[in-house]
Each structure stands twice: as C-alpha cells, then as structure tokens.
C-alpha cells in the first residue's frame, strides 16, 4: 500500500513541476546597478527546499517573480544541507529560508507564505 502512495506522490510531484514550468512567471529585467544591489542583499540567504514539494515551488516562483538570485539547497538529496537544516534550523521542514543579517545573526524562516511575505516586503 505504501508503494501506491509513493507512486502517487512521485507522479503528482512531476505534474507540479510541469505545471510550474508551463506557467512560470517571468523574471524582471533589472539594470546592472539594481542587479548588483539585489545580489548583495541576497548573498547571505539560502533556500532549503525539495524539487517537487508544492510549497517549495510556490516559494521558487516568488524568487523568480522578484528576480532574486538566492542559493537553492536541496535538503532531500544533499546530506550536508539536510544535516545543516536540522542541526541549525531546528527541524526538517521545507521550504526554509536562512537569512544572515548585517550583524551576523542567523534567522530561519519556515512556511512558504511567511517566506514569500518576507521577500515581498523586502524586495517587492
């Protein structure tokens, strides 16, 4: 029975990826100055995510819509990012945005809606 559910989840995951690809928002065209400013502002951010997670897709769409170059870390397939998410973030949940502020303080933002709200407030 669990094989059936795994198969359904696998299939749905790929359907989500295809729909995302077909309906993907366009990245805005930023000037070189604006691009450099955004890259500096996002240099200390990383998104821990799974490729086929619908909530991660939602967050990646926000990154694209805002034209942000935030490092994507595959917490499912990379043991390093998996361990870092659990040990430093405190739980195995994606999406999770790791933000290091100007003082070097690290914060971990969970939940796609909270991450998207944060990114929209800061960069939208």
PDB file of N, CA and C in Angstrom:
ATOM      1  N   UNK A   1       0.822  -1.200   0.000  1.00  0.00           N
ATOM      2  CA  UNK A   1       0.000   0.000   0.000  1.00  0.00           C
ATOM      3  C   UNK A   1       0.863   1.260   0.000  1.00  0.00           C
ATOM      4  N   UNK A   2       1.965   1.272   0.760  1.00  0.00           N
ATOM      5  CA  UNK A   2       2.796   2.471   0.803  1.00  0.00           C
ATOM      6  C   UNK A   2       3.457   2.729  -0.548  1.00  0.00           C
ATOM      7  N   UNK A   3       3.686   1.659  -1.342  1.00  0.00           N
ATOM      8  CA  UNK A   3       4.239   1.842  -2.682  1.00  0.00           C
ATOM      9  C   UNK A   3       3.266   2.618  -3.570  1.00  0.00           C
ATOM     10  N   UNK A   4       1.981   2.376  -3.375  1.00  0.00           N
ATOM     11  CA  UNK A   4       0.966   3.086  -4.146  1.00  0.00           C
ATOM     12  C   UNK A   4       1.033   4.570  -3.809  1.00  0.00           C
ATOM     13  N   UNK A   5       1.111   4.907  -2.514  1.00  0.00           N
ATOM     14  CA  UNK A   5       1.172   6.311  -2.112  1.00  0.00           C
ATOM     15  C   UNK A   5       2.458   6.970  -2.585  1.00  0.00           C
ATOM     16  N   UNK A   6       3.559   6.244  -2.522  1.00  0.00           N
ATOM     17  CA  UNK A   6       4.823   6.793  -3.028  1.00  0.00           C
ATOM     18  C   UNK A   6       4.730   7.056  -4.518  1.00  0.00           C
ATOM     19  N   UNK A   7       4.115   6.147  -5.240  1.00  0.00           N
ATOM     20  CA  UNK A   7       3.939   6.328  -6.676  1.00  0.00           C
ATOM     21  C   UNK A   7       3.054   7.522  -7.004  1.00  0.00           C
ATOM     22  N   UNK A   8       1.994   7.683  -6.239  1.00  0.00           N
ATOM     23  CA  UNK A   8       1.101   8.827  -6.440  1.00  0.00           C
ATOM     24  C   UNK A   8       1.833  10.126  -6.126  1.00  0.00           C
ATOM     25  N   UNK A   9       2.572  10.160  -5.020  1.00  0.00           N
ATOM     26  CA  UNK A   9       3.334  11.369  -4.655  1.00  0.00           C
ATOM     27  C   UNK A   9       4.380  11.688  -5.715  1.00  0.00           C
ATOM     28  N   UNK A  10       5.054  10.659  -6.237  1.00  0.00           N
ATOM     29  CA  UNK A  10       6.059  10.855  -7.277  1.00  0.00           C
ATOM     30  C   UNK A  10       5.413  11.471  -8.515  1.00  0.00           C
ATOM     31  N   UNK A  11       4.292  10.888  -8.944  1.00  0.00           N
ATOM     32  CA  UNK A  11       3.589  11.376 -10.126  1.00  0.00           C
ATOM     33  C   UNK A  11       3.093  12.809  -9.919  1.00  0.00           C
ATOM     34  N   UNK A  12       2.470  13.077  -8.794  1.00  0.00           N
ATOM     35  CA  UNK A  12       1.974  14.426  -8.514  1.00  0.00           C
ATOM     36  C   UNK A  12       3.121  15.436  -8.471  1.00  0.00           C
ATOM     37  N   UNK A  13       4.257  15.024  -7.918  1.00  0.00           N
ATOM     38  CA  UNK A  13       5.424  15.912  -7.869  1.00  0.00           C
ATOM     39  C   UNK A  13       5.852  16.342  -9.257  1.00  0.00           C
ATOM     40  N   UNK A  14       5.900  15.409 -10.184  1.00  0.00           N
ATOM     41  CA  UNK A  14       6.286  15.753 -11.550  1.00  0.00           C
ATOM     42  C   UNK A  14       5.209  16.559 -12.272  1.00  0.00           C
ATOM     43  N   UNK A  15       3.956  16.311 -11.964  1.00  0.00           N
ATOM     44  CA  UNK A  15       2.882  17.129 -12.540  1.00  0.00           C
ATOM     45  C   UNK A  15       3.032  18.571 -12.064  1.00  0.00           C
ATOM     46  N   UNK A  16       3.346  18.756 -10.793  1.00  0.00           N
ATOM     47  CA  UNK A  16       3.558  20.097 -10.239  1.00  0.00           C
ATOM     48  C   UNK A  16       4.713  20.792 -10.951  1.00  0.00           C
ATOM     49  N   UNK A  17       5.813  20.063 -11.176  1.00  0.00           N
ATOM     50  CA  UNK A  17       6.979  20.639 -11.859  1.00  0.00           C
ATOM     51  C   UNK A  17       6.613  21.054 -13.284  1.00  0.00           C
ATOM     52  N   UNK A  18       5.853  20.229 -13.981  1.00  0.00           N
ATOM     53  CA  UNK A  18       5.453  20.555 -15.358  1.00  0.00           C
ATOM     54  C   UNK A  18       4.541  21.776 -15.382  1.00  0.00           C
ATOM     55  N   UNK A  19       3.561  21.817 -14.488  1.00  0.00           N
ATOM     56  CA  UNK A  19       2.661  22.973 -14.431  1.00  0.00           C
ATOM     57  C   UNK A  19       3.445  24.237 -14.089  1.00  0.00           C
ATOM     58  N   UNK A  20       4.382  24.122 -13.151  1.00  0.00           N
ATOM     59  CA  UNK A  20       5.217  25.279 -12.813  1.00  0.00           C
ATOM     60  C   UNK A  20       5.992  25.755 -14.038  1.00  0.00           C
ATOM     61  N   UNK A  21       6.579  24.828 -14.779  1.00  0.00           N
ATOM     62  CA  UNK A  21       7.359  25.179 -15.959  1.00  0.00           C
ATOM     63  C   UNK A  21       6.494  25.877 -17.010  1.00  0.00           C
ATOM     64  N   UNK A  22       5.271  25.384 -17.189  1.00  0.00           N
ATOM     65  CA  UNK A  22       4.373  25.953 -18.193  1.00  0.00           C
ATOM     66  C   UNK A  22       3.832  27.328 -17.800  1.00  0.00           C
ATOM     67  N   UNK A  23       3.718  27.581 -16.513  1.00  0.00           N
ATOM     68  CA  UNK A  23       3.095  28.825 -16.036  1.00  0.00           C
ATOM     69  C   UNK A  23       4.067  29.721 -15.280  1.00  0.00           C
ATOM     70  N   UNK A  24       5.346  29.448 -15.394  1.00  0.00           N
ATOM     71  CA  UNK A  24       6.384  30.167 -14.647  1.00  0.00           C
ATOM     72  C   UNK A  24       6.333  31.673 -14.910  1.00  0.00           C
ATOM     73  N   UNK A  25       6.384  32.484 -13.836  1.00  0.00           N
ATOM     74  CA  UNK A  25       6.421  33.934 -14.054  1.00  0.00           C
ATOM     75  C   UNK A  25       7.757  34.354 -14.651  1.00  0.00           C
ATOM     76  N   UNK A  26       7.744  35.452 -15.358  1.00  0.00           N
ATOM     77  CA  UNK A  26       8.978  35.981 -15.934  1.00  0.00           C
ATOM     78  C   UNK A  26       9.768  36.723 -14.878  1.00  0.00           C
ATOM     79  N   UNK A  27      11.084  36.608 -14.980  1.00  0.00           N
ATOM     80  CA  UNK A  27      11.953  37.394 -14.103  1.00  0.00           C
ATOM     81  C   UNK A  27      12.009  38.817 -14.638  1.00  0.00           C
ATOM     82  N   UNK A  28      11.954  39.788 -13.745  1.00  0.00           N
ATOM     83  CA  UNK A  28      12.054  41.171 -14.215  1.00  0.00           C
ATOM     84  C   UNK A  28      13.452  41.457 -14.748  1.00  0.00           C
ATOM     85  N   UNK A  29      13.533  42.368 -15.682  1.00  0.00           N
ATOM     86  CA  UNK A  29      14.822  42.793 -16.219  1.00  0.00           C
ATOM     87  C   UNK A  29      15.307  43.972 -15.383  1.00  0.00           C
ATOM     88  N   UNK A  30      16.343  43.743 -14.578  1.00  0.00           N
ATOM     89  CA  UNK A  30      16.891  44.793 -13.723  1.00  0.00           C
ATOM     90  C   UNK A  30      18.104  45.419 -14.390  1.00  0.00           C
ATOM     91  N   UNK A  31      18.333  46.682 -14.076  1.00  0.00           N
ATOM     92  CA  UNK A  31      19.558  47.333 -14.536  1.00  0.00           C
ATOM     93  C   UNK A  31      20.743  46.661 -13.849  1.00  0.00           C
ATOM     94  N   UNK A  32      21.927  46.885 -14.363  1.00  0.00           N
ATOM     95  CA  UNK A  32      23.132  46.293 -13.767  1.00  0.00           C
ATOM     96  C   UNK A  32      23.299  46.756 -12.329  1.00  0.00           C
ATOM     97  N   UNK A  33      22.978  48.018 -12.055  1.00  0.00           N
ATOM     98  CA  UNK A  33      23.096  48.545 -10.687  1.00  0.00           C
ATOM     99  C   UNK A  33      22.106  47.879  -9.745  1.00  0.00           C
ATOM    100  N   UNK A  34      20.863  47.755 -10.205  1.00  0.00           N
ATOM    101  CA  UNK A  34      19.821  47.118  -9.393  1.00  0.00           C
ATOM    102  C   UNK A  34      20.157  45.644  -9.173  1.00  0.00           C
ATOM    103  N   UNK A  35      20.645  44.950 -10.205  1.00  0.00           N
ATOM    104  CA  UNK A  35      21.022  43.537 -10.089  1.00  0.00           C
ATOM    105  C   UNK A  35      22.112  43.376  -9.044  1.00  0.00           C
ATOM    106  N   UNK A  36      23.131  44.255  -9.080  1.00  0.00           N
ATOM    107  CA  UNK A  36      24.227  44.190  -8.111  1.00  0.00           C
ATOM    108  C   UNK A  36      23.716  44.442  -6.700  1.00  0.00           C
ATOM    109  N   UNK A  37      22.791  45.384  -6.561  1.00  0.00           N
ATOM    110  CA  UNK A  37      22.201  45.686  -5.250  1.00  0.00           C
ATOM    111  C   UNK A  37      21.423  44.487  -4.713  1.00  0.00           C
ATOM    112  N   UNK A  38      20.609  43.863  -5.570  1.00  0.00           N
ATOM    113  CA  UNK A  38      19.838  42.686  -5.158  1.00  0.00           C
ATOM    114  C   UNK A  38      20.762  41.522  -4.811  1.00  0.00           C
ATOM    115  N   UNK A  39      21.806  41.323  -5.606  1.00  0.00           N
ATOM    116  CA  UNK A  39      22.741  40.229  -5.339  1.00  0.00           C
ATOM    117  C   UNK A  39      23.466  40.430  -4.011  1.00  0.00           C
ATOM    118  N   UNK A  40      23.815  41.661  -3.695  1.00  0.00           N
ATOM    119  CA  UNK A  40      24.440  41.936  -2.385  1.00  0.00           C
ATOM    120  C   UNK A  40      23.461  41.652  -1.252  1.00  0.00           C
ATOM    121  N   UNK A  41      22.203  42.061  -1.439  1.00  0.00           N
ATOM    122  CA  UNK A  41      21.187  41.888  -0.395  1.00  0.00           C
ATOM    123  C   UNK A  41      20.823  40.419  -0.173  1.00  0.00           C
ATOM    124  N   UNK A  42      20.982  39.591  -1.204  1.00  0.00           N
ATOM    125  CA  UNK A  42      20.601  38.177  -1.076  1.00  0.00           C
ATOM    126  C   UNK A  42      21.796  37.236  -0.924  1.00  0.00           C
ATOM    127  N   UNK A  43      23.002  37.784  -0.889  1.00  0.00           N
ATOM    128  CA  UNK A  43      24.214  36.950  -0.817  1.00  0.00           C
ATOM    129  C   UNK A  43      24.243  36.078   0.437  1.00  0.00           C
ATOM    130  N   UNK A  44      23.630  36.533   1.499  1.00  0.00           N
ATOM    131  CA  UNK A  44      23.630  35.792   2.763  1.00  0.00           C
ATOM    132  C   UNK A  44      22.300  35.088   3.015  1.00  0.00           C
ATOM    133  N   UNK A  45      21.658  34.667   1.937  1.00  0.00           N
ATOM    134  CA  UNK A  45      20.391  33.934   2.047  1.00  0.00           C
ATOM    135  C   UNK A  45      20.523  32.606   1.312  1.00  0.00           C
ATOM    136  N   UNK A  46      19.803  31.613   1.820  1.00  0.00           N
ATOM    137  CA  UNK A  46      19.748  30.311   1.159  1.00  0.00           C
ATOM    138  C   UNK A  46      18.375  29.705   1.409  1.00  0.00           C
ATOM    139  N   UNK A  47      17.817  29.091   0.379  1.00  0.00           N
ATOM    140  CA  UNK A  47      16.526  28.433   0.500  1.00  0.00           C
ATOM    141  C   UNK A  47      16.736  26.925   0.519  1.00  0.00           C
ATOM    142  N   UNK A  48      16.385  26.307   1.624  1.00  0.00           N
ATOM    143  CA  UNK A  48      16.418  24.846   1.754  1.00  0.00           C
ATOM    144  C   UNK A  48      15.089  24.352   1.214  1.00  0.00           C
ATOM    145  N   UNK A  49      15.157  23.416   0.264  1.00  0.00           N
ATOM    146  CA  UNK A  49      13.944  23.023  -0.434  1.00  0.00           C
ATOM    147  C   UNK A  49      14.070  21.636  -1.024  1.00  0.00           C
ATOM    148  N   UNK A  50      12.928  21.118  -1.496  1.00  0.00           N
ATOM    149  CA  UNK A  50      12.859  19.878  -2.259  1.00  0.00           C
ATOM    150  C   UNK A  50      12.355  20.253  -3.649  1.00  0.00           C
ATOM    151  N   UNK A  51      12.853  19.599  -4.653  1.00  0.00           N
ATOM    152  CA  UNK A  51      12.492  19.937  -6.029  1.00  0.00           C
ATOM    153  C   UNK A  51      10.993  19.832  -6.292  1.00  0.00           C
ATOM    154  N   UNK A  52      10.357  18.749  -5.844  1.00  0.00           N
ATOM    155  CA  UNK A  52       8.951  18.510  -6.186  1.00  0.00           C
ATOM    156  C   UNK A  52       7.964  18.890  -5.095  1.00  0.00           C
ATOM    157  N   UNK A  53       8.397  19.561  -4.070  1.00  0.00           N
ATOM    158  CA  UNK A  53       7.494  19.997  -2.995  1.00  0.00           C
ATOM    159  C   UNK A  53       6.650  21.181  -3.496  1.00  0.00           C
ATOM    160  N   UNK A  54       5.320  21.087  -3.431  1.00  0.00           N
ATOM    161  CA  UNK A  54       4.486  22.179  -3.943  1.00  0.00           C
ATOM    162  C   UNK A  54       4.709  23.500  -3.210  1.00  0.00           C
ATOM    163  N   UNK A  55       5.013  23.450  -1.929  1.00  0.00           N
ATOM    164  CA  UNK A  55       5.256  24.681  -1.173  1.00  0.00           C
ATOM    165  C   UNK A  55       6.596  25.298  -1.565  1.00  0.00           C
ATOM    166  N   UNK A  56       7.559  24.455  -1.897  1.00  0.00           N
ATOM    167  CA  UNK A  56       8.854  24.946  -2.377  1.00  0.00           C
ATOM    168  C   UNK A  56       8.715  25.561  -3.757  1.00  0.00           C
ATOM    169  N   UNK A  57       7.886  24.948  -4.600  1.00  0.00           N
ATOM    170  CA  UNK A  57       7.618  25.505  -5.927  1.00  0.00           C
ATOM    171  C   UNK A  57       7.014  26.898  -5.769  1.00  0.00           C
ATOM    172  N   UNK A  58       6.084  27.032  -4.854  1.00  0.00           N
ATOM    173  CA  UNK A  58       5.448  28.331  -4.587  1.00  0.00           C
ATOM    174  C   UNK A  58       6.495  29.380  -4.222  1.00  0.00           C
ATOM    175  N   UNK A  59       7.451  29.018  -3.378  1.00  0.00           N
ATOM    176  CA  UNK A  59       8.492  29.952  -2.956  1.00  0.00           C
ATOM    177  C   UNK A  59       9.471  30.243  -4.098  1.00  0.00           C
ATOM    178  N   UNK A  60       9.844  29.225  -4.862  1.00  0.00           N
ATOM    179  CA  UNK A  60      10.736  29.460  -6.005  1.00  0.00           C
ATOM    180  C   UNK A  60      10.083  30.370  -7.038  1.00  0.00           C
ATOM    181  N   UNK A  61       8.768  30.275  -7.186  1.00  0.00           N
ATOM    182  CA  UNK A  61       8.060  31.171  -8.106  1.00  0.00           C
ATOM    183  C   UNK A  61       8.164  32.622  -7.626  1.00  0.00           C
ATOM    184  N   UNK A  62       8.116  32.832  -6.333  1.00  0.00           N
ATOM    185  CA  UNK A  62       8.279  34.183  -5.789  1.00  0.00           C
ATOM    186  C   UNK A  62       9.688  34.690  -6.062  1.00  0.00           C
ATOM    187  N   UNK A  63      10.691  33.836  -5.875  1.00  0.00           N
ATOM    188  CA  UNK A  63      12.069  34.237  -6.182  1.00  0.00           C
ATOM    189  C   UNK A  63      12.174  34.686  -7.632  1.00  0.00           C
ATOM    190  N   UNK A  64      11.587  33.919  -8.520  1.00  0.00           N
ATOM    191  CA  UNK A  64      11.652  34.247  -9.950  1.00  0.00           C
ATOM    192  C   UNK A  64      10.882  35.532 -10.255  1.00  0.00           C
ATOM    193  N   UNK A  65       9.694  35.668  -9.683  1.00  0.00           N
ATOM    194  CA  UNK A  65       8.873  36.857  -9.924  1.00  0.00           C
ATOM    195  C   UNK A  65       9.587  38.133  -9.485  1.00  0.00           C
ATOM    196  N   UNK A  66      10.341  38.032  -8.387  1.00  0.00           N
ATOM    197  CA  UNK A  66      11.069  39.192  -7.868  1.00  0.00           C
ATOM    198  C   UNK A  66      12.459  39.331  -8.494  1.00  0.00           C
ATOM    199  N   UNK A  67      12.906  38.323  -9.223  1.00  0.00           N
ATOM    200  CA  UNK A  67      14.220  38.370  -9.862  1.00  0.00           C
ATOM    201  C   UNK A  67      15.360  38.234  -8.873  1.00  0.00           C
ATOM    202  N   UNK A  68      15.191  37.348  -7.868  1.00  0.00           N
ATOM    203  CA  UNK A  68      16.198  37.183  -6.822  1.00  0.00           C
ATOM    204  C   UNK A  68      17.068  35.965  -7.085  1.00  0.00           C
ATOM    205  N   UNK A  69      18.371  36.127  -6.883  1.00  0.00           N
ATOM    206  CA  UNK A  69      19.326  35.027  -7.021  1.00  0.00           C
ATOM    207  C   UNK A  69      19.692  34.505  -5.634  1.00  0.00           C
ATOM    208  N   UNK A  70      18.798  33.733  -5.064  1.00  0.00           N
ATOM    209  CA  UNK A  70      19.041  33.143  -3.750  1.00  0.00           C
ATOM    210  C   UNK A  70      19.457  31.692  -3.957  1.00  0.00           C
ATOM    211  N   UNK A  71      20.515  31.292  -3.275  1.00  0.00           N
ATOM    212  CA  UNK A  71      21.023  29.923  -3.408  1.00  0.00           C
ATOM    213  C   UNK A  71      19.954  28.917  -3.000  1.00  0.00           C
ATOM    214  N   UNK A  72      19.758  27.909  -3.849  1.00  0.00           N
ATOM    215  CA  UNK A  72      18.832  26.813  -3.549  1.00  0.00           C
ATOM    216  C   UNK A  72      19.632  25.634  -3.018  1.00  0.00           C
ATOM    217  N   UNK A  73      19.201  25.109  -1.875  1.00  0.00           N
ATOM    218  CA  UNK A  73      19.885  23.979  -1.262  1.00  0.00           C
ATOM    219  C   UNK A  73      18.917  22.805  -1.164  1.00  0.00           C
ATOM    220  N   UNK A  74      19.272  21.712  -1.804  1.00  0.00           N
ATOM    221  CA  UNK A  74      18.430  20.521  -1.847  1.00  0.00           C
ATOM    222  C   UNK A  74      18.595  19.734  -0.549  1.00  0.00           C
ATOM    223  N   UNK A  75      17.646  19.916   0.351  1.00  0.00           N
ATOM    224  CA  UNK A  75      17.728  19.278   1.667  1.00  0.00           C
ATOM    225  C   UNK A  75      17.324  17.814   1.636  1.00  0.00           C
ATOM    226  N   UNK A  76      16.793  17.343   0.546  1.00  0.00           N
ATOM    227  CA  UNK A  76      16.432  15.927   0.453  1.00  0.00           C
ATOM    228  C   UNK A  76      17.591  15.093  -0.071  1.00  0.00           C
ATOM    229  N   UNK A  77      18.285  15.582  -1.079  1.00  0.00           N
ATOM    230  CA  UNK A  77      19.299  14.772  -1.754  1.00  0.00           C
ATOM    231  C   UNK A  77      20.732  15.113  -1.390  1.00  0.00           C
ATOM    232  N   UNK A  78      20.951  16.147  -0.635  1.00  0.00           N
ATOM    233  CA  UNK A  78      22.310  16.512  -0.230  1.00  0.00           C
ATOM    234  C   UNK A  78      22.431  16.384   1.288  1.00  0.00           C
ATOM    235  N   UNK A  79      23.173  15.393   1.771  1.00  0.00           N
ATOM    236  CA  UNK A  79      23.281  15.165   3.212  1.00  0.00           C
ATOM    237  C   UNK A  79      23.809  16.377   3.976  1.00  0.00           C
ATOM    238  N   UNK A  80      24.668  17.155   3.353  1.00  0.00           N
ATOM    239  CA  UNK A  80      25.208  18.351   4.018  1.00  0.00           C
ATOM    240  C   UNK A  80      24.092  19.343   4.338  1.00  0.00           C
ATOM    241  N   UNK A  81      23.248  19.652   3.349  1.00  0.00           N
ATOM    242  CA  UNK A  81      22.168  20.618   3.571  1.00  0.00           C
ATOM    243  C   UNK A  81      21.093  20.025   4.467  1.00  0.00           C
ATOM    244  N   UNK A  82      20.855  18.733   4.366  1.00  0.00           N
ATOM    245  CA  UNK A  82      19.903  18.052   5.226  1.00  0.00           C
ATOM    246  C   UNK A  82      20.311  18.207   6.688  1.00  0.00           C
ATOM    247  N   UNK A  83      21.572  17.904   6.982  1.00  0.00           N
ATOM    248  CA  UNK A  83      22.075  17.989   8.356  1.00  0.00           C
ATOM    249  C   UNK A  83      22.070  19.429   8.855  1.00  0.00           C
ATOM    250  N   UNK A  84      22.473  20.359   7.996  1.00  0.00           N
ATOM    251  CA  UNK A  84      22.514  21.768   8.403  1.00  0.00           C
ATOM    252  C   UNK A  84      21.114  22.285   8.741  1.00  0.00           C
ATOM    253  N   UNK A  85      20.135  21.916   7.926  1.00  0.00           N
ATOM    254  CA  UNK A  85      18.754  22.331   8.170  1.00  0.00           C
ATOM    255  C   UNK A  85      18.268  21.836   9.532  1.00  0.00           C
ATOM    256  N   UNK A  86      18.545  20.589   9.840  1.00  0.00           N
ATOM    257  CA  UNK A  86      18.092  20.009  11.103  1.00  0.00           C
ATOM    258  C   UNK A  86      18.881  20.563  12.285  1.00  0.00           C
ATOM    259  N   UNK A  87      20.197  20.568  12.175  1.00  0.00           N
ATOM    260  CA  UNK A  87      21.047  20.975  13.301  1.00  0.00           C
ATOM    261  C   UNK A  87      20.979  22.469  13.595  1.00  0.00           C
ATOM    262  N   UNK A  88      20.987  23.287  12.555  1.00  0.00           N
ATOM    263  CA  UNK A  88      20.997  24.723  12.781  1.00  0.00           C
ATOM    264  C   UNK A  88      19.601  25.340  12.728  1.00  0.00           C
ATOM    265  N   UNK A  89      18.778  24.846  11.809  1.00  0.00           N
ATOM    266  CA  UNK A  89      17.424  25.378  11.686  1.00  0.00           C
ATOM    267  C   UNK A  89      16.487  24.853  12.756  1.00  0.00           C
ATOM    268  N   UNK A  90      16.766  23.649  13.224  1.00  0.00           N
ATOM    269  CA  UNK A  90      15.978  23.097  14.316  1.00  0.00           C
ATOM    270  C   UNK A  90      14.927  22.083  13.924  1.00  0.00           C
ATOM    271  N   UNK A  91      14.613  21.985  12.630  1.00  0.00           N
ATOM    272  CA  UNK A  91      13.636  20.979  12.219  1.00  0.00           C
ATOM    273  C   UNK A  91      13.783  20.670  10.738  1.00  0.00           C
ATOM    274  N   UNK A  92      13.307  19.508  10.360  1.00  0.00           N
ATOM    275  CA  UNK A  92      13.377  19.044   8.979  1.00  0.00           C
ATOM    276  C   UNK A  92      12.072  19.422   8.299  1.00  0.00           C
ATOM    277  N   UNK A  93      12.023  20.669   7.845  1.00  0.00           N
ATOM    278  CA  UNK A  93      10.827  21.178   7.190  1.00  0.00           C
ATOM    279  C   UNK A  93      11.261  22.136   6.089  1.00  0.00           C
ATOM    280  N   UNK A  94      10.647  21.974   4.934  1.00  0.00           N
ATOM    281  CA  UNK A  94      10.927  22.867   3.814  1.00  0.00           C
ATOM    282  C   UNK A  94       9.613  23.429   3.295  1.00  0.00           C
ATOM    283  N   UNK A  95       9.653  24.578   2.651  1.00  0.00           N
ATOM    284  CA  UNK A  95      10.824  25.403   2.431  1.00  0.00           C
ATOM    285  C   UNK A  95      11.247  26.112   3.704  1.00  0.00           C
ATOM    286  N   UNK A  96      12.511  26.449   3.736  1.00  0.00           N
ATOM    287  CA  UNK A  96      13.066  27.195   4.857  1.00  0.00           C
ATOM    288  C   UNK A  96      14.098  28.179   4.298  1.00  0.00           C
ATOM    289  N   UNK A  97      13.933  29.439   4.634  1.00  0.00           N
ATOM    290  CA  UNK A  97      14.859  30.466   4.183  1.00  0.00           C
ATOM    291  C   UNK A  97      15.803  30.816   5.324  1.00  0.00           C
ATOM    292  N   UNK A  98      17.101  30.647   5.078  1.00  0.00           N
ATOM    293  CA  UNK A  98      18.141  31.008   6.042  1.00  0.00           C
ATOM    294  C   UNK A  98      18.630  32.399   5.673  1.00  0.00           C
ATOM    295  N   UNK A  99      18.555  33.319   6.655  1.00  0.00           N
ATOM    296  CA  UNK A  99      18.949  34.708   6.426  1.00  0.00           C
ATOM    297  C   UNK A  99      19.992  35.091   7.463  1.00  0.00           C
ATOM    298  N   UNK A 100      21.129  35.613   6.996  1.00  0.00           N
ATOM    299  CA  UNK A 100      22.164  36.133   7.880  1.00  0.00           C
ATOM    300  C   UNK A 100      22.131  37.649   7.736  1.00  0.00           C
ATOM    301  N   UNK A 101      21.856  38.365   8.849  1.00  0.00           N
ATOM    302  CA  UNK A 101      21.765  39.819   8.761  1.00  0.00           C
ATOM    303  C   UNK A 101      23.142  40.477   8.824  1.00  0.00           C
ATOM    304  N   UNK A 102      23.169  41.798   8.788  1.00  0.00           N
ATOM    305  CA  UNK A 102      24.429  42.554   8.766  1.00  0.00           C
ATOM    306  C   UNK A 102      25.280  42.335  10.008  1.00  0.00           C
ATOM    307  N   UNK A 103      24.648  41.943  11.109  1.00  0.00           N
ATOM    308  CA  UNK A 103      25.375  41.702  12.359  1.00  0.00           C
ATOM    309  C   UNK A 103      25.849  40.253  12.478  1.00  0.00           C
ATOM    310  N   UNK A 104      25.524  39.445  11.485  1.00  0.00           N
ATOM    311  CA  UNK A 104      25.914  38.037  11.509  1.00  0.00           C
ATOM    312  C   UNK A 104      24.915  37.139  12.208  1.00  0.00           C
ATOM    313  N   UNK A 105      23.770  37.691  12.598  1.00  0.00           N
ATOM    314  CA  UNK A 105      22.715  36.910  13.258  1.00  0.00           C
ATOM    315  C   UNK A 105      21.972  36.085  12.201  1.00  0.00           C
ATOM    316  N   UNK A 106      21.758  34.826  12.518  1.00  0.00           N
ATOM    317  CA  UNK A 106      21.087  33.917  11.582  1.00  0.00           C
ATOM    318  C   UNK A 106      19.644  33.715  12.019  1.00  0.00           C
ATOM    319  N   UNK A 107      18.736  33.840  11.053  1.00  0.00           N
ATOM    320  CA  UNK A 107      17.338  33.513  11.328  1.00  0.00           C
ATOM    321  C   UNK A 107      16.868  32.513  10.277  1.00  0.00           C
ATOM    322  N   UNK A 108      15.940  31.688  10.695  1.00  0.00           N
ATOM    323  CA  UNK A 108      15.388  30.638   9.840  1.00  0.00           C
ATOM    324  C   UNK A 108      13.899  30.899   9.701  1.00  0.00           C
ATOM    325  N   UNK A 109      13.445  31.120   8.486  1.00  0.00           N
ATOM    326  CA  UNK A 109      12.033  31.404   8.233  1.00  0.00           C
ATOM    327  C   UNK A 109      11.416  30.179   7.575  1.00  0.00           C
ATOM    328  N   UNK A 110      10.417  29.607   8.238  1.00  0.00           N
ATOM    329  CA  UNK A 110       9.703  28.439   7.725  1.00  0.00           C
ATOM    330  C   UNK A 110       8.353  28.879   7.174  1.00  0.00           C
ATOM    331  N   UNK A 111       7.723  28.008   6.451  1.00  0.00           N
ATOM    332  CA  UNK A 111       6.408  28.199   5.845  1.00  0.00           C
ATOM    333  C   UNK A 111       6.509  29.074   4.600  1.00  0.00           C
ATOM    334  N   UNK A 112       6.025  28.551   3.490  1.00  0.00           N
ATOM    335  CA  UNK A 112       6.123  29.256   2.210  1.00  0.00           C
ATOM    336  C   UNK A 112       5.456  30.624   2.251  1.00  0.00           C
ATOM    337  N   UNK A 113       4.314  30.740   2.906  1.00  0.00           N
ATOM    338  CA  UNK A 113       3.618  32.039   2.961  1.00  0.00           C
ATOM    339  C   UNK A 113       4.429  33.068   3.730  1.00  0.00           C
ATOM    340  N   UNK A 114       5.040  32.648   4.833  1.00  0.00           N
ATOM    341  CA  UNK A 114       5.867  33.579   5.613  1.00  0.00           C
ATOM    342  C   UNK A 114       7.115  33.990   4.831  1.00  0.00           C
ATOM    343  N   UNK A 115       7.730  33.044   4.153  1.00  0.00           N
ATOM    344  CA  UNK A 115       8.912  33.354   3.341  1.00  0.00           C
ATOM    345  C   UNK A 115       8.536  34.324   2.226  1.00  0.00           C
ATOM    346  N   UNK A 116       7.443  34.033   1.524  1.00  0.00           N
ATOM    347  CA  UNK A 116       7.016  34.887   0.425  1.00  0.00           C
ATOM    348  C   UNK A 116       6.641  36.281   0.911  1.00  0.00           C
ATOM    349  N   UNK A 117       5.973  36.380   2.059  1.00  0.00           N
ATOM    350  CA  UNK A 117       5.647  37.692   2.633  1.00  0.00           C
ATOM    351  C   UNK A 117       6.916  38.463   2.960  1.00  0.00           C
ATOM    352  N   UNK A 118       7.890  37.799   3.568  1.00  0.00           N
ATOM    353  CA  UNK A 118       9.171  38.443   3.900  1.00  0.00           C
ATOM    354  C   UNK A 118       9.848  38.965   2.629  1.00  0.00           C
ATOM    355  N   UNK A 119       9.925  38.131   1.594  1.00  0.00           N
ATOM    356  CA  UNK A 119      10.594  38.525   0.356  1.00  0.00           C
ATOM    357  C   UNK A 119       9.840  39.671  -0.334  1.00  0.00           C
ATOM    358  N   UNK A 120       8.517  39.596  -0.332  1.00  0.00           N
ATOM    359  CA  UNK A 120       7.722  40.682  -0.941  1.00  0.00           C
ATOM    360  C   UNK A 120       7.908  41.997  -0.195  1.00  0.00           C
ATOM    361  N   UNK A 121       7.910  41.940   1.138  1.00  0.00           N
ATOM    362  CA  UNK A 121       8.117  43.170   1.926  1.00  0.00           C
ATOM    363  C   UNK A 121       9.487  43.751   1.676  1.00  0.00           C
ATOM    364  N   UNK A 122      10.489  42.891   1.617  1.00  0.00           N
ATOM    365  CA  UNK A 122      11.862  43.365   1.490  1.00  0.00           C
ATOM    366  C   UNK A 122      12.251  43.754   0.066  1.00  0.00           C
ATOM    367  N   UNK A 123      11.751  43.029  -0.929  1.00  0.00           N
ATOM    368  CA  UNK A 123      12.200  43.246  -2.302  1.00  0.00           C
ATOM    369  C   UNK A 123      11.103  43.595  -3.291  1.00  0.00           C
ATOM    370  N   UNK A 124       9.839  43.473  -2.882  1.00  0.00           N
ATOM    371  CA  UNK A 124       8.732  43.669  -3.819  1.00  0.00           C
ATOM    372  C   UNK A 124       8.423  45.114  -4.115  1.00  0.00           C
TER     373      UNK A 124
END
